[in-house]
Amino acid sequence: MKERVYGVEQIVMSTKMGDQRAMSLLLRNVFDARMALLAQPWQTIGQY
């Protein structure tokens, strides 16, 4: 399902519990977890 939020199209995913989350948030959480696992410094995504 796609929704528009502030003029930007978002892909929204539903969890097993019925909650909805933006895919961009899920990807950011995966990125943050990977950086923590690798003990990398926290920088914005745009710097990579």
PDB file of N, CA and C in Angstrom:
ATOM      1  N   MET A   1       0.843  -1.171   0.000  1.00  0.00           N
ATOM      2  CA  MET A   1       0.000   0.000   0.000  1.00  0.00           C
ATOM      3  C   MET A   1       0.890   1.236   0.000  1.00  0.00           C
ATOM      4  N   LYS A   2       0.521   2.229  -0.769  1.00  0.00           N
ATOM      5  CA  LYS A   2       1.288   3.464  -0.824  1.00  0.00           C
ATOM      6  C   LYS A   2       0.429   4.617  -0.314  1.00  0.00           C
ATOM      7  N   GLU A   3       1.051   5.503   0.422  1.00  0.00           N
ATOM      8  CA  GLU A   3       0.367   6.676   0.941  1.00  0.00           C
ATOM      9  C   GLU A   3       1.228   7.894   0.681  1.00  0.00           C
ATOM     10  N   ARG A   4       0.600   9.042   0.613  1.00  0.00           N
ATOM     11  CA  ARG A   4       1.345  10.284   0.451  1.00  0.00           C
ATOM     12  C   ARG A   4       1.407  10.999   1.794  1.00  0.00           C
ATOM     13  N   VAL A   5       2.624  11.313   2.221  1.00  0.00           N
ATOM     14  CA  VAL A   5       2.830  12.029   3.465  1.00  0.00           C
ATOM     15  C   VAL A   5       3.715  13.219   3.143  1.00  0.00           C
ATOM     16  N   TYR A   6       3.217  14.422   3.351  1.00  0.00           N
ATOM     17  CA  TYR A   6       3.964  15.642   3.073  1.00  0.00           C
ATOM     18  C   TYR A   6       4.479  15.664   1.637  1.00  0.00           C
ATOM     19  N   GLY A   7       3.670  15.197   0.687  1.00  0.00           N
ATOM     20  CA  GLY A   7       4.021  15.269  -0.721  1.00  0.00           C
ATOM     21  C   GLY A   7       4.980  14.185  -1.188  1.00  0.00           C
ATOM     22  N   VAL A   8       5.379  13.291  -0.312  1.00  0.00           N
ATOM     23  CA  VAL A   8       6.310  12.222  -0.672  1.00  0.00           C
ATOM     24  C   VAL A   8       5.569  10.891  -0.576  1.00  0.00           C
ATOM     25  N   GLU A   9       5.662  10.104  -1.641  1.00  0.00           N
ATOM     26  CA  GLU A   9       4.994   8.812  -1.633  1.00  0.00           C
ATOM     27  C   GLU A   9       5.735   7.848  -0.715  1.00  0.00           C
ATOM     28  N   GLN A  10       5.009   7.180   0.167  1.00  0.00           N
ATOM     29  CA  GLN A  10       5.588   6.254   1.132  1.00  0.00           C
ATOM     30  C   GLN A  10       5.043   4.850   0.886  1.00  0.00           C
ATOM     31  N   ILE A  11       5.894   3.847   1.032  1.00  0.00           N
ATOM     32  CA  ILE A  11       5.444   2.473   1.015  1.00  0.00           C
ATOM     33  C   ILE A  11       5.205   2.085   2.469  1.00  0.00           C
ATOM     34  N   VAL A  12       4.000   1.628   2.760  1.00  0.00           N
ATOM     35  CA  VAL A  12       3.615   1.304   4.124  1.00  0.00           C
ATOM     36  C   VAL A  12       3.480  -0.214   4.237  1.00  0.00           C
ATOM     37  N   MET A  13       4.090  -0.779   5.270  1.00  0.00           N
ATOM     38  CA  MET A  13       4.036  -2.214   5.499  1.00  0.00           C
ATOM     39  C   MET A  13       3.198  -2.470   6.749  1.00  0.00           C
ATOM     40  N   SER A  14       2.474  -3.572   6.761  1.00  0.00           N
ATOM     41  CA  SER A  14       1.684  -3.965   7.934  1.00  0.00           C
ATOM     42  C   SER A  14       2.397  -5.094   8.663  1.00  0.00           C
ATOM     43  N   THR A  15       2.458  -4.984   9.986  1.00  0.00           N
ATOM     44  CA  THR A  15       3.069  -6.030  10.799  1.00  0.00           C
ATOM     45  C   THR A  15       2.046  -7.129  11.070  1.00  0.00           C
ATOM     46  N   LYS A  16       2.498  -8.228  11.645  1.00  0.00           N
ATOM     47  CA  LYS A  16       1.592  -9.322  11.992  1.00  0.00           C
ATOM     48  C   LYS A  16       0.559  -8.880  13.015  1.00  0.00           C
ATOM     49  N   MET A  17       0.928  -7.903  13.835  1.00  0.00           N
ATOM     50  CA  MET A  17       0.013  -7.397  14.866  1.00  0.00           C
ATOM     51  C   MET A  17      -0.976  -6.377  14.302  1.00  0.00           C
ATOM     52  N   GLY A  18      -0.830  -6.010  13.013  1.00  0.00           N
ATOM     53  CA  GLY A  18      -1.752  -5.069  12.388  1.00  0.00           C
ATOM     54  C   GLY A  18      -1.274  -3.634  12.378  1.00  0.00           C
ATOM     55  N   ASP A  19      -0.130  -3.357  12.994  1.00  0.00           N
ATOM     56  CA  ASP A  19       0.419  -2.005  12.970  1.00  0.00           C
ATOM     57  C   ASP A  19       0.958  -1.698  11.576  1.00  0.00           C
ATOM     58  N   GLN A  20       0.993  -0.423  11.226  1.00  0.00           N
ATOM     59  CA  GLN A  20       1.548  -0.027   9.932  1.00  0.00           C
ATOM     60  C   GLN A  20       2.802   0.795  10.161  1.00  0.00           C
ATOM     61  N   ARG A  21       3.825   0.522   9.347  1.00  0.00           N
ATOM     62  CA  ARG A  21       5.097   1.227   9.444  1.00  0.00           C
ATOM     63  C   ARG A  21       5.567   1.612   8.051  1.00  0.00           C
ATOM     64  N   ALA A  22       6.194   2.756   7.928  1.00  0.00           N
ATOM     65  CA  ALA A  22       6.773   3.162   6.647  1.00  0.00           C
ATOM     66  C   ALA A  22       8.009   2.314   6.377  1.00  0.00           C
ATOM     67  N   MET A  23       8.171   1.868   5.142  1.00  0.00           N
ATOM     68  CA  MET A  23       9.318   1.038   4.798  1.00  0.00           C
ATOM     69  C   MET A  23      10.625   1.789   5.033  1.00  0.00           C
ATOM     70  N   SER A  24      10.620   3.105   4.836  1.00  0.00           N
ATOM     71  CA  SER A  24      11.836   3.889   5.070  1.00  0.00           C
ATOM     72  C   SER A  24      12.274   3.791   6.531  1.00  0.00           C
ATOM     73  N   LEU A  25      11.308   3.725   7.462  1.00  0.00           N
ATOM     74  CA  LEU A  25      11.637   3.575   8.878  1.00  0.00           C
ATOM     75  C   LEU A  25      12.244   2.204   9.138  1.00  0.00           C
ATOM     76  N   LEU A  26      11.679   1.172   8.539  1.00  0.00           N
ATOM     77  CA  LEU A  26      12.215  -0.175   8.715  1.00  0.00           C
ATOM     78  C   LEU A  26      13.642  -0.274   8.177  1.00  0.00           C
ATOM     79  N   LEU A  27      13.882   0.319   7.010  1.00  0.00           N
ATOM     80  CA  LEU A  27      15.228   0.282   6.432  1.00  0.00           C
ATOM     81  C   LEU A  27      16.217   1.059   7.288  1.00  0.00           C
ATOM     82  N   ARG A  28      15.780   2.181   7.845  1.00  0.00           N
ATOM     83  CA  ARG A  28      16.664   2.969   8.724  1.00  0.00           C
ATOM     84  C   ARG A  28      17.013   2.171   9.981  1.00  0.00           C
ATOM     85  N   ASN A  29      16.040   1.441  10.537  1.00  0.00           N
ATOM     86  CA  ASN A  29      16.304   0.625  11.721  1.00  0.00           C
ATOM     87  C   ASN A  29      17.302  -0.489  11.418  1.00  0.00           C
ATOM     88  N   VAL A  30      17.187  -1.107  10.242  1.00  0.00           N
ATOM     89  CA  VAL A  30      18.145  -2.140   9.832  1.00  0.00           C
ATOM     90  C   VAL A  30      19.531  -1.532   9.667  1.00  0.00           C
ATOM     91  N   PHE A  31      19.604  -0.365   9.042  1.00  0.00           N
ATOM     92  CA  PHE A  31      20.885   0.326   8.856  1.00  0.00           C
ATOM     93  C   PHE A  31      21.524   0.649  10.210  1.00  0.00           C
ATOM     94  N   ASP A  32      20.731   1.192  11.137  1.00  0.00           N
ATOM     95  CA  ASP A  32      21.254   1.537  12.456  1.00  0.00           C
ATOM     96  C   ASP A  32      21.747   0.305  13.209  1.00  0.00           C
ATOM     97  N   ALA A  33      21.000  -0.799  13.117  1.00  0.00           N
ATOM     98  CA  ALA A  33      21.408  -2.034  13.793  1.00  0.00           C
ATOM     99  C   ALA A  33      22.714  -2.565  13.214  1.00  0.00           C
ATOM    100  N   ARG A  34      22.865  -2.493  11.901  1.00  0.00           N
ATOM    101  CA  ARG A  34      24.097  -2.955  11.251  1.00  0.00           C
ATOM    102  C   ARG A  34      25.288  -2.115  11.689  1.00  0.00           C
ATOM    103  N   MET A  35      25.099  -0.795  11.749  1.00  0.00           N
ATOM    104  CA  MET A  35      26.187   0.091  12.151  1.00  0.00           C
ATOM    105  C   MET A  35      26.575  -0.172  13.608  1.00  0.00           C
ATOM    106  N   ALA A  36      25.599  -0.450  14.469  1.00  0.00           N
ATOM    107  CA  ALA A  36      25.885  -0.752  15.871  1.00  0.00           C
ATOM    108  C   ALA A  36      26.635  -2.078  15.980  1.00  0.00           C
ATOM    109  N   LEU A  37      26.223  -3.064  15.196  1.00  0.00           N
ATOM    110  CA  LEU A  37      26.875  -4.373  15.218  1.00  0.00           C
ATOM    111  C   LEU A  37      28.329  -4.272  14.769  1.00  0.00           C
ATOM    112  N   LEU A  38      28.587  -3.445  13.773  1.00  0.00           N
ATOM    113  CA  LEU A  38      29.939  -3.272  13.250  1.00  0.00           C
ATOM    114  C   LEU A  38      30.751  -2.238  14.032  1.00  0.00           C
ATOM    115  N   ALA A  39      30.147  -1.653  15.052  1.00  0.00           N
ATOM    116  CA  ALA A  39      30.777  -0.622  15.888  1.00  0.00           C
ATOM    117  C   ALA A  39      31.274   0.544  15.040  1.00  0.00           C
ATOM    118  N   GLN A  40      30.459   0.951  14.082  1.00  0.00           N
ATOM    119  CA  GLN A  40      30.779   2.091  13.222  1.00  0.00           C
ATOM    120  C   GLN A  40      30.224   3.370  13.847  1.00  0.00           C
ATOM    121  N   PRO A  41      30.836   4.500  13.560  1.00  0.00           N
ATOM    122  CA  PRO A  41      30.306   5.765  14.085  1.00  0.00           C
ATOM    123  C   PRO A  41      28.941   6.079  13.461  1.00  0.00           C
ATOM    124  N   TRP A  42      28.108   6.759  14.220  1.00  0.00           N
ATOM    125  CA  TRP A  42      26.775   7.101  13.739  1.00  0.00           C
ATOM    126  C   TRP A  42      26.862   8.348  12.871  1.00  0.00           C
ATOM    127  N   GLN A  43      26.561   8.183  11.593  1.00  0.00           N
ATOM    128  CA  GLN A  43      26.531   9.298  10.660  1.00  0.00           C
ATOM    129  C   GLN A  43      25.214   9.222   9.899  1.00  0.00           C
ATOM    130  N   THR A  44      24.875  10.301   9.194  1.00  0.00           N
ATOM    131  CA  THR A  44      23.639  10.277   8.419  1.00  0.00           C
ATOM    132  C   THR A  44      23.828   9.382   7.212  1.00  0.00           C
ATOM    133  N   ILE A  45      22.742   8.822   6.727  1.00  0.00           N
ATOM    134  CA  ILE A  45      22.789   7.909   5.584  1.00  0.00           C
ATOM    135  C   ILE A  45      23.417   8.578   4.371  1.00  0.00           C
ATOM    136  N   GLY A  46      23.149   9.855   4.148  1.00  0.00           N
ATOM    137  CA  GLY A  46      23.658  10.569   2.987  1.00  0.00           C
ATOM    138  C   GLY A  46      25.176  10.642   2.918  1.00  0.00           C
ATOM    139  N   GLN A  47      25.878  10.363   4.002  1.00  0.00           N
ATOM    140  CA  GLN A  47      27.338  10.448   4.002  1.00  0.00           C
ATOM    141  C   GLN A  47      27.999   9.156   3.549  1.00  0.00           C
ATOM    142  N   TYR A  48      27.210   8.114   3.258  1.00  0.00           N
ATOM    143  CA  TYR A  48      27.786   6.849   2.822  1.00  0.00           C
ATOM    144  C   TYR A  48      27.656   6.675   1.337  1.00  0.00           C
TER     145      TYR A  48
END
